[in-house]
Every structure is written in C-alpha cells, then in structure tokens.
C-alpha cells in the first residue's frame, strides 16, 4: 500500500498541510512507514486545468492507495475516489505523526 500525505515541506518532520488543494508537497510512504519520495505539488497552467485535477492525476500515476490530508474538498474527493484512492482527513500534525496515527487506526503497525 502506498500512502500520500500532504505536507508543507519535504521531510517526515514537516507539518502536514491542512488543505489538499493547497499542499506544497506530497510525501509518499509505504504501509510500513518506509519513505518513498517527496513530490512538489503541480502548478495549474490554466483555469481549465485546475490544480486539484493535476494533483489527483499525479497521485494516481504514483500508484497511491490512500491520501491523508487536513481537508479535501468534494471535487477533489470525488476524483480521488473514482481513481480508487481512499481519502482520510486528519488533524494537523507532522507527516510522521499523521502516518503513525493512520497506521495505528488501520492496524498497519503493531
């Protein structure tokens, strides 16, 4: 399982970003907590290609199964869910803390 977490920086100690659409970085981890990569969030080249669509496409291309974020608006949530990506909204923490909380509640870590 690949888990993406919206972040304000490119390390596990960065604060989780409160908004999916506004995230500067997306950190991708394996379900065991292994860091895979940090991706910068794509900029939107035009009003006809909104940032959320490009971000959702990036996550699908990276084979992400779940995204953890502070707030995911309904338009982005619908796109993600159609792509088979689970959306988990969580209170703002560091990326590491958000992953550990998710892993504990999903029983990924023992």
PDB file of N, CA and C in Angstrom:
ATOM      1  N   UNK A   1       0.839  -1.179   0.000  1.00  0.00           N
ATOM      2  CA  UNK A   1       0.000   0.000   0.000  1.00  0.00           C
ATOM      3  C   UNK A   1       0.882   1.239   0.000  1.00  0.00           C
ATOM      4  N   UNK A   2       0.500   2.211  -0.814  1.00  0.00           N
ATOM      5  CA  UNK A   2       1.209   3.487  -0.855  1.00  0.00           C
ATOM      6  C   UNK A   2       0.310   4.564  -0.273  1.00  0.00           C
ATOM      7  N   UNK A   3       0.868   5.348   0.632  1.00  0.00           N
ATOM      8  CA  UNK A   3       0.118   6.374   1.342  1.00  0.00           C
ATOM      9  C   UNK A   3       0.752   7.725   1.047  1.00  0.00           C
ATOM     10  N   UNK A   4      -0.070   8.667   0.602  1.00  0.00           N
ATOM     11  CA  UNK A   4       0.395  10.030   0.339  1.00  0.00           C
ATOM     12  C   UNK A   4      -0.109  10.945   1.440  1.00  0.00           C
ATOM     13  N   UNK A   5       0.756  11.852   1.878  1.00  0.00           N
ATOM     14  CA  UNK A   5       0.379  12.800   2.926  1.00  0.00           C
ATOM     15  C   UNK A   5       0.739  14.201   2.449  1.00  0.00           C
ATOM     16  N   UNK A   6      -0.246  15.117   2.506  1.00  0.00           N
ATOM     17  CA  UNK A   6       0.024  16.495   2.114  1.00  0.00           C
ATOM     18  C   UNK A   6       0.933  17.133   3.153  1.00  0.00           C
ATOM     19  N   UNK A   7       1.894  17.932   2.697  1.00  0.00           N
ATOM     20  CA  UNK A   7       2.888  18.471   3.626  1.00  0.00           C
ATOM     21  C   UNK A   7       3.345  19.868   3.221  1.00  0.00           C
ATOM     22  N   UNK A   8       3.855  20.585   4.222  1.00  0.00           N
ATOM     23  CA  UNK A   8       4.400  21.919   3.976  1.00  0.00           C
ATOM     24  C   UNK A   8       5.885  21.860   3.615  1.00  0.00           C
ATOM     25  N   UNK A   9       6.507  20.700   3.804  1.00  0.00           N
ATOM     26  CA  UNK A   9       7.919  20.526   3.489  1.00  0.00           C
ATOM     27  C   UNK A   9       8.169  19.130   2.959  1.00  0.00           C
ATOM     28  N   UNK A  10       9.424  18.819   2.675  1.00  0.00           N
ATOM     29  CA  UNK A  10       9.741  17.554   2.007  1.00  0.00           C
ATOM     30  C   UNK A  10      10.340  16.480   2.923  1.00  0.00           C
ATOM     31  N   UNK A  11      10.108  16.613   4.234  1.00  0.00           N
ATOM     32  CA  UNK A  11      10.609  15.600   5.175  1.00  0.00           C
ATOM     33  C   UNK A  11       9.468  15.082   6.043  1.00  0.00           C
ATOM     34  N   UNK A  12       9.698  13.964   6.712  1.00  0.00           N
ATOM     35  CA  UNK A  12       8.683  13.382   7.584  1.00  0.00           C
ATOM     36  C   UNK A  12       8.385  14.261   8.796  1.00  0.00           C
ATOM     37  N   UNK A  13       9.294  15.167   9.133  1.00  0.00           N
ATOM     38  CA  UNK A  13       9.085  16.061  10.265  1.00  0.00           C
ATOM     39  C   UNK A  13       8.380  17.360   9.879  1.00  0.00           C
ATOM     40  N   UNK A  14       8.056  17.514   8.613  1.00  0.00           N
ATOM     41  CA  UNK A  14       7.314  18.692   8.144  1.00  0.00           C
ATOM     42  C   UNK A  14       5.882  18.635   8.662  1.00  0.00           C
ATOM     43  N   UNK A  15       5.255  19.774   8.787  1.00  0.00           N
ATOM     44  CA  UNK A  15       3.851  19.820   9.177  1.00  0.00           C
ATOM     45  C   UNK A  15       2.991  19.295   8.028  1.00  0.00           C
ATOM     46  N   UNK A  16       1.982  18.532   8.393  1.00  0.00           N
ATOM     47  CA  UNK A  16       1.014  18.097   7.402  1.00  0.00           C
ATOM     48  C   UNK A  16       0.273  19.334   6.915  1.00  0.00           C
ATOM     49  N   UNK A  17       0.038  19.431   5.623  1.00  0.00           N
ATOM     50  CA  UNK A  17      -0.684  20.585   5.090  1.00  0.00           C
ATOM     51  C   UNK A  17      -2.162  20.430   5.385  1.00  0.00           C
ATOM     52  N   UNK A  18      -2.801  21.500   5.763  1.00  0.00           N
ATOM     53  CA  UNK A  18      -4.217  21.450   6.144  1.00  0.00           C
ATOM     54  C   UNK A  18      -5.150  21.309   4.949  1.00  0.00           C
ATOM     55  N   UNK A  19      -4.693  21.647   3.742  1.00  0.00           N
ATOM     56  CA  UNK A  19      -5.575  21.614   2.569  1.00  0.00           C
ATOM     57  C   UNK A  19      -4.968  20.766   1.467  1.00  0.00           C
ATOM     58  N   UNK A  20      -5.770  19.886   0.906  1.00  0.00           N
ATOM     59  CA  UNK A  20      -5.316  19.057  -0.199  1.00  0.00           C
ATOM     60  C   UNK A  20      -4.941  19.925  -1.398  1.00  0.00           C
ATOM     61  N   UNK A  21      -5.841  20.820  -1.794  1.00  0.00           N
ATOM     62  CA  UNK A  21      -5.600  21.654  -2.974  1.00  0.00           C
ATOM     63  C   UNK A  21      -4.418  22.604  -2.815  1.00  0.00           C
ATOM     64  N   UNK A  22      -4.100  22.976  -1.584  1.00  0.00           N
ATOM     65  CA  UNK A  22      -3.058  23.967  -1.365  1.00  0.00           C
ATOM     66  C   UNK A  22      -1.712  23.404  -0.930  1.00  0.00           C
ATOM     67  N   UNK A  23      -1.592  22.088  -0.899  1.00  0.00           N
ATOM     68  CA  UNK A  23      -0.352  21.470  -0.405  1.00  0.00           C
ATOM     69  C   UNK A  23       0.840  21.823  -1.285  1.00  0.00           C
ATOM     70  N   UNK A  24       1.958  22.136  -0.659  1.00  0.00           N
ATOM     71  CA  UNK A  24       3.187  22.410  -1.407  1.00  0.00           C
ATOM     72  C   UNK A  24       3.899  21.122  -1.793  1.00  0.00           C
ATOM     73  N   UNK A  25       3.791  20.112  -0.924  1.00  0.00           N
ATOM     74  CA  UNK A  25       4.453  18.835  -1.163  1.00  0.00           C
ATOM     75  C   UNK A  25       3.482  17.695  -0.887  1.00  0.00           C
ATOM     76  N   UNK A  26       3.766  16.581  -1.511  1.00  0.00           N
ATOM     77  CA  UNK A  26       3.081  15.322  -1.239  1.00  0.00           C
ATOM     78  C   UNK A  26       4.182  14.320  -0.915  1.00  0.00           C
ATOM     79  N   UNK A  27       4.145  13.761   0.288  1.00  0.00           N
ATOM     80  CA  UNK A  27       5.121  12.740   0.668  1.00  0.00           C
ATOM     81  C   UNK A  27       4.473  11.380   0.527  1.00  0.00           C
ATOM     82  N   UNK A  28       5.174  10.453  -0.097  1.00  0.00           N
ATOM     83  CA  UNK A  28       4.633   9.121  -0.332  1.00  0.00           C
ATOM     84  C   UNK A  28       5.430   8.115   0.496  1.00  0.00           C
ATOM     85  N   UNK A  29       4.693   7.289   1.236  1.00  0.00           N
ATOM     86  CA  UNK A  29       5.283   6.273   2.101  1.00  0.00           C
ATOM     87  C   UNK A  29       4.657   4.920   1.800  1.00  0.00           C
ATOM     88  N   UNK A  30       5.395   3.872   2.132  1.00  0.00           N
ATOM     89  CA  UNK A  30       4.834   2.519   2.087  1.00  0.00           C
ATOM     90  C   UNK A  30       4.058   2.298   3.384  1.00  0.00           C
ATOM     91  N   UNK A  31       3.235   1.261   3.408  1.00  0.00           N
ATOM     92  CA  UNK A  31       2.413   0.993   4.590  1.00  0.00           C
ATOM     93  C   UNK A  31       3.239   0.653   5.830  1.00  0.00           C
ATOM     94  N   UNK A  32       4.513   0.281   5.645  1.00  0.00           N
ATOM     95  CA  UNK A  32       5.371   0.009   6.803  1.00  0.00           C
ATOM     96  C   UNK A  32       6.101   1.263   7.291  1.00  0.00           C
ATOM     97  N   UNK A  33       5.816   2.405   6.657  1.00  0.00           N
ATOM     98  CA  UNK A  33       6.424   3.673   7.053  1.00  0.00           C
ATOM     99  C   UNK A  33       7.667   4.045   6.279  1.00  0.00           C
ATOM    100  N   UNK A  34       8.107   3.188   5.363  1.00  0.00           N
ATOM    101  CA  UNK A  34       9.280   3.492   4.557  1.00  0.00           C
ATOM    102  C   UNK A  34       8.990   4.669   3.635  1.00  0.00           C
ATOM    103  N   UNK A  35       9.848   5.677   3.688  1.00  0.00           N
ATOM    104  CA  UNK A  35       9.713   6.861   2.846  1.00  0.00           C
ATOM    105  C   UNK A  35      10.061   6.491   1.406  1.00  0.00           C
ATOM    106  N   UNK A  36       9.175   6.831   0.470  1.00  0.00           N
ATOM    107  CA  UNK A  36       9.434   6.555  -0.942  1.00  0.00           C
ATOM    108  C   UNK A  36       9.942   7.804  -1.638  1.00  0.00           C
ATOM    109  N   UNK A  37       9.156   8.892  -1.572  1.00  0.00           N
ATOM    110  CA  UNK A  37       9.585  10.121  -2.237  1.00  0.00           C
ATOM    111  C   UNK A  37       8.754  11.308  -1.794  1.00  0.00           C
ATOM    112  N   UNK A  38       9.296  12.495  -2.059  1.00  0.00           N
ATOM    113  CA  UNK A  38       8.577  13.750  -1.854  1.00  0.00           C
ATOM    114  C   UNK A  38       8.372  14.374  -3.224  1.00  0.00           C
ATOM    115  N   UNK A  39       7.139  14.701  -3.536  1.00  0.00           N
ATOM    116  CA  UNK A  39       6.812  15.318  -4.826  1.00  0.00           C
ATOM    117  C   UNK A  39       6.338  16.743  -4.573  1.00  0.00           C
ATOM    118  N   UNK A  40       6.774  17.668  -5.411  1.00  0.00           N
ATOM    119  CA  UNK A  40       6.214  19.004  -5.323  1.00  0.00           C
ATOM    120  C   UNK A  40       4.847  18.976  -5.979  1.00  0.00           C
ATOM    121  N   UNK A  41       3.951  19.730  -5.429  1.00  0.00           N
ATOM    122  CA  UNK A  41       2.594  19.783  -5.953  1.00  0.00           C
ATOM    123  C   UNK A  41       2.608  20.512  -7.294  1.00  0.00           C
ATOM    124  N   UNK A  42       1.916  19.969  -8.298  1.00  0.00           N
ATOM    125  CA  UNK A  42       1.929  20.614  -9.615  1.00  0.00           C
ATOM    126  C   UNK A  42       1.186  21.942  -9.605  1.00  0.00           C
ATOM    127  N   UNK A  43       1.728  22.898 -10.351  1.00  0.00           N
ATOM    128  CA  UNK A  43       1.041  24.181 -10.520  1.00  0.00           C
ATOM    129  C   UNK A  43       0.002  24.022 -11.614  1.00  0.00           C
ATOM    130  N   UNK A  44      -1.028  24.821 -11.543  1.00  0.00           N
ATOM    131  CA  UNK A  44      -2.069  24.771 -12.561  1.00  0.00           C
ATOM    132  C   UNK A  44      -1.713  25.732 -13.691  1.00  0.00           C
ATOM    133  N   UNK A  45      -1.564  25.220 -14.929  1.00  0.00           N
ATOM    134  CA  UNK A  45      -1.176  26.096 -16.027  1.00  0.00           C
ATOM    135  C   UNK A  45      -2.321  26.984 -16.516  1.00  0.00           C
ATOM    136  N   UNK A  46      -3.568  26.620 -16.231  1.00  0.00           N
ATOM    137  CA  UNK A  46      -4.690  27.430 -16.689  1.00  0.00           C
ATOM    138  C   UNK A  46      -5.916  27.155 -15.836  1.00  0.00           C
ATOM    139  N   UNK A  47      -6.909  28.004 -15.977  1.00  0.00           N
ATOM    140  CA  UNK A  47      -8.154  27.825 -15.237  1.00  0.00           C
ATOM    141  C   UNK A  47      -8.901  26.587 -15.716  1.00  0.00           C
ATOM    142  N   UNK A  48      -8.602  26.114 -16.926  1.00  0.00           N
ATOM    143  CA  UNK A  48      -9.282  24.937 -17.467  1.00  0.00           C
ATOM    144  C   UNK A  48      -8.650  23.636 -16.989  1.00  0.00           C
ATOM    145  N   UNK A  49      -7.510  23.727 -16.340  1.00  0.00           N
ATOM    146  CA  UNK A  49      -6.818  22.549 -15.823  1.00  0.00           C
ATOM    147  C   UNK A  49      -6.519  22.800 -14.350  1.00  0.00           C
ATOM    148  N   UNK A  50      -7.556  22.683 -13.503  1.00  0.00           N
ATOM    149  CA  UNK A  50      -7.354  23.031 -12.097  1.00  0.00           C
ATOM    150  C   UNK A  50      -6.282  22.195 -11.421  1.00  0.00           C
ATOM    151  N   UNK A  51      -5.657  22.803 -10.446  1.00  0.00           N
ATOM    152  CA  UNK A  51      -4.564  22.174  -9.698  1.00  0.00           C
ATOM    153  C   UNK A  51      -4.992  20.837  -9.102  1.00  0.00           C
ATOM    154  N   UNK A  52      -6.219  20.764  -8.583  1.00  0.00           N
ATOM    155  CA  UNK A  52      -6.647  19.524  -7.937  1.00  0.00           C
ATOM    156  C   UNK A  52      -6.668  18.358  -8.913  1.00  0.00           C
ATOM    157  N   UNK A  53      -7.054  18.618 -10.173  1.00  0.00           N
ATOM    158  CA  UNK A  53      -7.063  17.544 -11.174  1.00  0.00           C
ATOM    159  C   UNK A  53      -5.652  17.046 -11.441  1.00  0.00           C
ATOM    160  N   UNK A  54      -4.709  17.976 -11.544  1.00  0.00           N
ATOM    161  CA  UNK A  54      -3.313  17.601 -11.790  1.00  0.00           C
ATOM    162  C   UNK A  54      -2.729  16.861 -10.590  1.00  0.00           C
ATOM    163  N   UNK A  55      -3.097  17.276  -9.391  1.00  0.00           N
ATOM    164  CA  UNK A  55      -2.617  16.623  -8.184  1.00  0.00           C
ATOM    165  C   UNK A  55      -3.189  15.208  -8.069  1.00  0.00           C
ATOM    166  N   UNK A  56      -4.478  15.056  -8.367  1.00  0.00           N
ATOM    167  CA  UNK A  56      -5.107  13.730  -8.349  1.00  0.00           C
ATOM    168  C   UNK A  56      -4.464  12.812  -9.384  1.00  0.00           C
ATOM    169  N   UNK A  57      -4.181  13.351 -10.568  1.00  0.00           N
ATOM    170  CA  UNK A  57      -3.535  12.563 -11.621  1.00  0.00           C
ATOM    171  C   UNK A  57      -2.135  12.135 -11.192  1.00  0.00           C
ATOM    172  N   UNK A  58      -1.407  13.016 -10.514  1.00  0.00           N
ATOM    173  CA  UNK A  58      -0.072  12.685 -10.016  1.00  0.00           C
ATOM    174  C   UNK A  58      -0.145  11.519  -9.033  1.00  0.00           C
ATOM    175  N   UNK A  59      -1.099  11.573  -8.108  1.00  0.00           N
ATOM    176  CA  UNK A  59      -1.235  10.508  -7.117  1.00  0.00           C
ATOM    177  C   UNK A  59      -1.609   9.180  -7.774  1.00  0.00           C
ATOM    178  N   UNK A  60      -2.489   9.234  -8.756  1.00  0.00           N
ATOM    179  CA  UNK A  60      -2.867   8.008  -9.470  1.00  0.00           C
ATOM    180  C   UNK A  60      -1.661   7.444 -10.225  1.00  0.00           C
ATOM    181  N   UNK A  61      -0.871   8.307 -10.840  1.00  0.00           N
ATOM    182  CA  UNK A  61       0.314   7.865 -11.585  1.00  0.00           C
ATOM    183  C   UNK A  61       1.364   7.256 -10.660  1.00  0.00           C
ATOM    184  N   UNK A  62       1.388   7.698  -9.394  1.00  0.00           N
ATOM    185  CA  UNK A  62       2.341   7.180  -8.411  1.00  0.00           C
ATOM    186  C   UNK A  62       1.794   5.947  -7.697  1.00  0.00           C
ATOM    187  N   UNK A  63       0.636   5.431  -8.149  1.00  0.00           N
ATOM    188  CA  UNK A  63       0.003   4.236  -7.575  1.00  0.00           C
ATOM    189  C   UNK A  63      -0.307   4.379  -6.086  1.00  0.00           C
ATOM    190  N   UNK A  64      -0.752   5.572  -5.703  1.00  0.00           N
ATOM    191  CA  UNK A  64      -1.130   5.827  -4.314  1.00  0.00           C
ATOM    192  C   UNK A  64      -2.486   5.177  -4.036  1.00  0.00           C
ATOM    193  N   UNK A  65      -2.618   4.558  -2.871  1.00  0.00           N
ATOM    194  CA  UNK A  65      -3.868   3.904  -2.467  1.00  0.00           C
ATOM    195  C   UNK A  65      -4.691   4.748  -1.507  1.00  0.00           C
ATOM    196  N   UNK A  66      -4.012   5.653  -0.793  1.00  0.00           N
ATOM    197  CA  UNK A  66      -4.677   6.448   0.238  1.00  0.00           C
ATOM    198  C   UNK A  66      -3.972   7.793   0.353  1.00  0.00           C
ATOM    199  N   UNK A  67      -4.744   8.855   0.580  1.00  0.00           N
ATOM    200  CA  UNK A  67      -4.158  10.168   0.830  1.00  0.00           C
ATOM    201  C   UNK A  67      -4.658  10.668   2.181  1.00  0.00           C
ATOM    202  N   UNK A  68      -3.718  11.187   2.979  1.00  0.00           N
ATOM    203  CA  UNK A  68      -4.041  11.762   4.282  1.00  0.00           C
ATOM    204  C   UNK A  68      -3.818  13.262   4.168  1.00  0.00           C
ATOM    205  N   UNK A  69      -4.838  14.025   4.525  1.00  0.00           N
ATOM    206  CA  UNK A  69      -4.771  15.473   4.412  1.00  0.00           C
ATOM    207  C   UNK A  69      -5.644  16.094   5.489  1.00  0.00           C
ATOM    208  N   UNK A  70      -5.548  17.403   5.643  1.00  0.00           N
ATOM    209  CA  UNK A  70      -6.388  18.080   6.619  1.00  0.00           C
ATOM    210  C   UNK A  70      -7.812  18.220   6.116  1.00  0.00           C
ATOM    211  N   UNK A  71      -7.983  18.766   4.924  1.00  0.00           N
ATOM    212  CA  UNK A  71      -9.298  18.994   4.346  1.00  0.00           C
ATOM    213  C   UNK A  71      -9.244  18.715   2.857  1.00  0.00           C
ATOM    214  N   UNK A  72     -10.161  17.908   2.387  1.00  0.00           N
ATOM    215  CA  UNK A  72     -10.239  17.581   0.964  1.00  0.00           C
ATOM    216  C   UNK A  72     -11.633  17.974   0.484  1.00  0.00           C
ATOM    217  N   UNK A  73     -11.708  18.976  -0.352  1.00  0.00           N
ATOM    218  CA  UNK A  73     -12.998  19.452  -0.844  1.00  0.00           C
ATOM    219  C   UNK A  73     -13.664  18.375  -1.699  1.00  0.00           C
ATOM    220  N   UNK A  74     -14.967  18.486  -1.850  1.00  0.00           N
ATOM    221  CA  UNK A  74     -15.750  17.432  -2.502  1.00  0.00           C
ATOM    222  C   UNK A  74     -15.311  17.137  -3.934  1.00  0.00           C
ATOM    223  N   UNK A  75     -14.924  18.154  -4.701  1.00  0.00           N
ATOM    224  CA  UNK A  75     -14.494  17.917  -6.083  1.00  0.00           C
ATOM    225  C   UNK A  75     -13.258  17.034  -6.154  1.00  0.00           C
ATOM    226  N   UNK A  76     -12.271  17.337  -5.327  1.00  0.00           N
ATOM    227  CA  UNK A  76     -11.047  16.531  -5.295  1.00  0.00           C
ATOM    228  C   UNK A  76     -11.337  15.144  -4.735  1.00  0.00           C
ATOM    229  N   UNK A  77     -12.175  15.077  -3.709  1.00  0.00           N
ATOM    230  CA  UNK A  77     -12.531  13.789  -3.106  1.00  0.00           C
ATOM    231  C   UNK A  77     -13.168  12.872  -4.152  1.00  0.00           C
ATOM    232  N   UNK A  78     -14.074  13.417  -4.951  1.00  0.00           N
ATOM    233  CA  UNK A  78     -14.742  12.615  -5.983  1.00  0.00           C
ATOM    234  C   UNK A  78     -13.741  12.075  -7.006  1.00  0.00           C
ATOM    235  N   UNK A  79     -12.814  12.923  -7.440  1.00  0.00           N
ATOM    236  CA  UNK A  79     -11.799  12.500  -8.414  1.00  0.00           C
ATOM    237  C   UNK A  79     -10.938  11.391  -7.825  1.00  0.00           C
ATOM    238  N   UNK A  80     -10.494  11.578  -6.588  1.00  0.00           N
ATOM    239  CA  UNK A  80      -9.651  10.579  -5.929  1.00  0.00           C
ATOM    240  C   UNK A  80     -10.387   9.258  -5.752  1.00  0.00           C
ATOM    241  N   UNK A  81     -11.616   9.329  -5.276  1.00  0.00           N
ATOM    242  CA  UNK A  81     -12.366   8.101  -5.047  1.00  0.00           C
ATOM    243  C   UNK A  81     -12.671   7.363  -6.345  1.00  0.00           C
ATOM    244  N   UNK A  82     -12.912   8.096  -7.434  1.00  0.00           N
ATOM    245  CA  UNK A  82     -13.108   7.450  -8.738  1.00  0.00           C
ATOM    246  C   UNK A  82     -11.841   6.724  -9.183  1.00  0.00           C
ATOM    247  N   UNK A  83     -10.701   7.246  -8.765  1.00  0.00           N
ATOM    248  CA  UNK A  83      -9.418   6.619  -9.111  1.00  0.00           C
ATOM    249  C   UNK A  83      -9.069   5.492  -8.139  1.00  0.00           C
ATOM    250  N   UNK A  84      -9.945   5.231  -7.170  1.00  0.00           N
ATOM    251  CA  UNK A  84      -9.698   4.161  -6.208  1.00  0.00           C
ATOM    252  C   UNK A  84      -8.785   4.566  -5.066  1.00  0.00           C
ATOM    253  N   UNK A  85      -8.637   5.869  -4.844  1.00  0.00           N
ATOM    254  CA  UNK A  85      -7.768   6.374  -3.773  1.00  0.00           C
ATOM    255  C   UNK A  85      -8.630   6.787  -2.585  1.00  0.00           C
ATOM    256  N   UNK A  86      -8.374   6.165  -1.451  1.00  0.00           N
ATOM    257  CA  UNK A  86      -9.097   6.471  -0.211  1.00  0.00           C
ATOM    258  C   UNK A  86      -8.638   7.826   0.320  1.00  0.00           C
ATOM    259  N   UNK A  87      -9.567   8.608   0.842  1.00  0.00           N
ATOM    260  CA  UNK A  87      -9.247   9.912   1.419  1.00  0.00           C
ATOM    261  C   UNK A  87      -9.474   9.856   2.927  1.00  0.00           C
ATOM    262  N   UNK A  88      -8.444  10.247   3.678  1.00  0.00           N
ATOM    263  CA  UNK A  88      -8.533  10.303   5.135  1.00  0.00           C
ATOM    264  C   UNK A  88      -8.224  11.732   5.557  1.00  0.00           C
ATOM    265  N   UNK A  89      -9.175  12.362   6.237  1.00  0.00           N
ATOM    266  CA  UNK A  89      -8.938  13.696   6.776  1.00  0.00           C
ATOM    267  C   UNK A  89      -8.474  13.547   8.215  1.00  0.00           C
ATOM    268  N   UNK A  90      -7.438  14.292   8.573  1.00  0.00           N
ATOM    269  CA  UNK A  90      -6.843  14.162   9.902  1.00  0.00           C
ATOM    270  C   UNK A  90      -6.471  15.538  10.429  1.00  0.00           C
ATOM    271  N   UNK A  91      -6.401  15.675  11.751  1.00  0.00           N
ATOM    272  CA  UNK A  91      -5.960  16.955  12.314  1.00  0.00           C
ATOM    273  C   UNK A  91      -4.497  17.208  11.957  1.00  0.00           C
ATOM    274  N   UNK A  92      -4.132  18.465  11.925  1.00  0.00           N
ATOM    275  CA  UNK A  92      -2.781  18.847  11.542  1.00  0.00           C
ATOM    276  C   UNK A  92      -1.755  18.321  12.544  1.00  0.00           C
ATOM    277  N   UNK A  93      -0.787  17.625  12.025  1.00  0.00           N
ATOM    278  CA  UNK A  93       0.316  17.061  12.801  1.00  0.00           C
ATOM    279  C   UNK A  93       1.540  17.092  11.898  1.00  0.00           C
ATOM    280  N   UNK A  94       2.626  16.511  12.357  1.00  0.00           N
ATOM    281  CA  UNK A  94       3.727  16.313  11.427  1.00  0.00           C
ATOM    282  C   UNK A  94       3.340  15.144  10.520  1.00  0.00           C
ATOM    283  N   UNK A  95       4.030  15.016   9.398  1.00  0.00           N
ATOM    284  CA  UNK A  95       3.768  13.906   8.486  1.00  0.00           C
ATOM    285  C   UNK A  95       3.966  12.580   9.212  1.00  0.00           C
ATOM    286  N   UNK A  96       5.031  12.487   9.975  1.00  0.00           N
ATOM    287  CA  UNK A  96       5.326  11.258  10.720  1.00  0.00           C
ATOM    288  C   UNK A  96       4.188  10.913  11.683  1.00  0.00           C
ATOM    289  N   UNK A  97       3.712  11.902  12.444  1.00  0.00           N
ATOM    290  CA  UNK A  97       2.626  11.668  13.393  1.00  0.00           C
ATOM    291  C   UNK A  97       1.328  11.282  12.682  1.00  0.00           C
ATOM    292  N   UNK A  98       1.045  11.933  11.555  1.00  0.00           N
ATOM    293  CA  UNK A  98      -0.164  11.607  10.793  1.00  0.00           C
ATOM    294  C   UNK A  98      -0.097  10.174  10.284  1.00  0.00           C
ATOM    295  N   UNK A  99       1.083   9.764   9.782  1.00  0.00           N
ATOM    296  CA  UNK A  99       1.231   8.388   9.314  1.00  0.00           C
ATOM    297  C   UNK A  99       1.071   7.406  10.470  1.00  0.00           C
ATOM    298  N   UNK A 100       1.737   7.665  11.585  1.00  0.00           N
ATOM    299  CA  UNK A 100       1.672   6.748  12.723  1.00  0.00           C
ATOM    300  C   UNK A 100       0.241   6.608  13.248  1.00  0.00           C
ATOM    301  N   UNK A 101      -0.496   7.715  13.292  1.00  0.00           N
ATOM    302  CA  UNK A 101      -1.888   7.657  13.740  1.00  0.00           C
ATOM    303  C   UNK A 101      -2.723   6.829  12.756  1.00  0.00           C
ATOM    304  N   UNK A 102      -2.541   7.075  11.466  1.00  0.00           N
ATOM    305  CA  UNK A 102      -3.271   6.312  10.451  1.00  0.00           C
ATOM    306  C   UNK A 102      -2.908   4.829  10.527  1.00  0.00           C
ATOM    307  N   UNK A 103      -1.626   4.541  10.617  1.00  0.00           N
ATOM    308  CA  UNK A 103      -1.179   3.147  10.661  1.00  0.00           C
ATOM    309  C   UNK A 103      -1.739   2.435  11.882  1.00  0.00           C
ATOM    310  N   UNK A 104      -1.783   3.126  13.003  1.00  0.00           N
ATOM    311  CA  UNK A 104      -2.328   2.518  14.225  1.00  0.00           C
ATOM    312  C   UNK A 104      -3.825   2.239  14.061  1.00  0.00           C
ATOM    313  N   UNK A 105      -4.570   3.229  13.573  1.00  0.00           N
ATOM    314  CA  UNK A 105      -6.014   3.043  13.441  1.00  0.00           C
ATOM    315  C   UNK A 105      -6.377   2.024  12.360  1.00  0.00           C
ATOM    316  N   UNK A 106      -5.539   1.901  11.346  1.00  0.00           N
ATOM    317  CA  UNK A 106      -5.778   0.932  10.284  1.00  0.00           C
ATOM    318  C   UNK A 106      -5.097  -0.416  10.592  1.00  0.00           C
ATOM    319  N   UNK A 107      -4.415  -0.464  11.736  1.00  0.00           N
ATOM    320  CA  UNK A 107      -3.708  -1.658  12.191  1.00  0.00           C
ATOM    321  C   UNK A 107      -2.618  -2.104  11.205  1.00  0.00           C
ATOM    322  N   UNK A 108      -1.940  -1.114  10.622  1.00  0.00           N
ATOM    323  CA  UNK A 108      -0.828  -1.424   9.725  1.00  0.00           C
ATOM    324  C   UNK A 108       0.440  -1.713  10.514  1.00  0.00           C
ATOM    325  N   UNK A 109       0.545  -1.048  11.676  1.00  0.00           N
ATOM    326  CA  UNK A 109       1.705  -1.241  12.552  1.00  0.00           C
ATOM    327  C   UNK A 109       1.237  -1.934  13.822  1.00  0.00           C
ATOM    328  N   UNK A 110       2.047  -2.761  14.385  1.00  0.00           N
ATOM    329  CA  UNK A 110       1.684  -3.435  15.629  1.00  0.00           C
ATOM    330  C   UNK A 110       2.506  -2.902  16.779  1.00  0.00           C
TER     331      UNK A 110
END
